Amino acid sequence: MPFANTSILPMLSEAGIGLRLPHIAEVLATRPRAGWLEIHPENFLPNPHAMELLTELSRIYPISVHTVGISVGSAMGIDRLHLSRIGEFADRIDPVFISGHLAWSTRDTEYLNDLLPLPFNKEALELVTTHVKEVQDTLGRPYLVENPSSYVGFHATTMSEVEFLSELVLRTGCRLLADVSNVVVSAHNMNYDPYRYIDSLPADAIAELHLGGYTTERNLLIDTHAAAVADPSWELYKYTLHRIGPRPTLIEWDNDIPSLSKLIAEAEHAEAISSQAVQPEVHCATR
């Protein structure tokens, strides 16, 4: 099922926040100024009460569904039962986006609490292409694929991450969720230029942007979502908007979750940056 036309996707003018269970009752009670909310369906599927609250919130805010269990990079195949549940969930919530990671997290019937990497080569591309097509055909919606945070490389890799993602878009018509903070993390850990990475992405395929905090462990940056968005991510976000124009932007914070007001303040900062990103700027990608 082709989804090549970006115009079928929504353009949300205000930044959103990742809605986690500790904040759901407060959001429903106070209805804070947030452009949209993004949730992990895996947190709601086994929780009927939270699902009721989310259904009510879906009548107030646009909702985005960000999956962590579909595992399009799994050599064992995707979990079709889980995919079916995601489809039923989407029919109930009617989300503006459904997205997931360029990663794998399952082996047989075992779910691993991590998003694990895969080599970027022809074999992996064919596997992920097959899975993304099946996801989109089952959901009847475009699927947004998120660039990973990387800590290791593979000898079997034969193409760059950007080349892999670009070819995936061509083969499936999927869209991209460009996690700007993941680019900062991966560029530091894998020793490449984050600005050149942004330059090389197929801009028309980018439907959503993510920003999240990371932490430092020895010489690595770790995508923990346990801190405020760092200055290098804000700077790359500014550059990204100048390069591709405004995109729906989400603030992620999954660990050491702060107050709701702190999340809203981060989203308002993203909005302020987006509103200023109207003229292109020149940046030298070689360093």
Foldseek 3Di string as FASTA:
>chain_A
DAQQALVVADFQLFAAEEDDPVCLVVCLVPVDDGSAYEYEVVRVPVPPVSLVSLLVVLVVHAYEYEYEQQFLQDPVHGDVVVLLVVLVSCVSSVHSAYEYEQFGADDDHDGHPDGHHDAADDVSLVSSLVSLQVSCVSNVDAYAYEYAQDQDHDPPHDDDPQVSVVVSCVSRNHAYAYELVSLVQNCQNVVFFSLVSLVSHPLSRHAEYEFADWDDDPSGTGRPSADAGDPVSVVVLLLSCLNRNDHHYYYGHDHVDDDPVVRVVSSVVSSVSNVPSDHHDDDDRDD
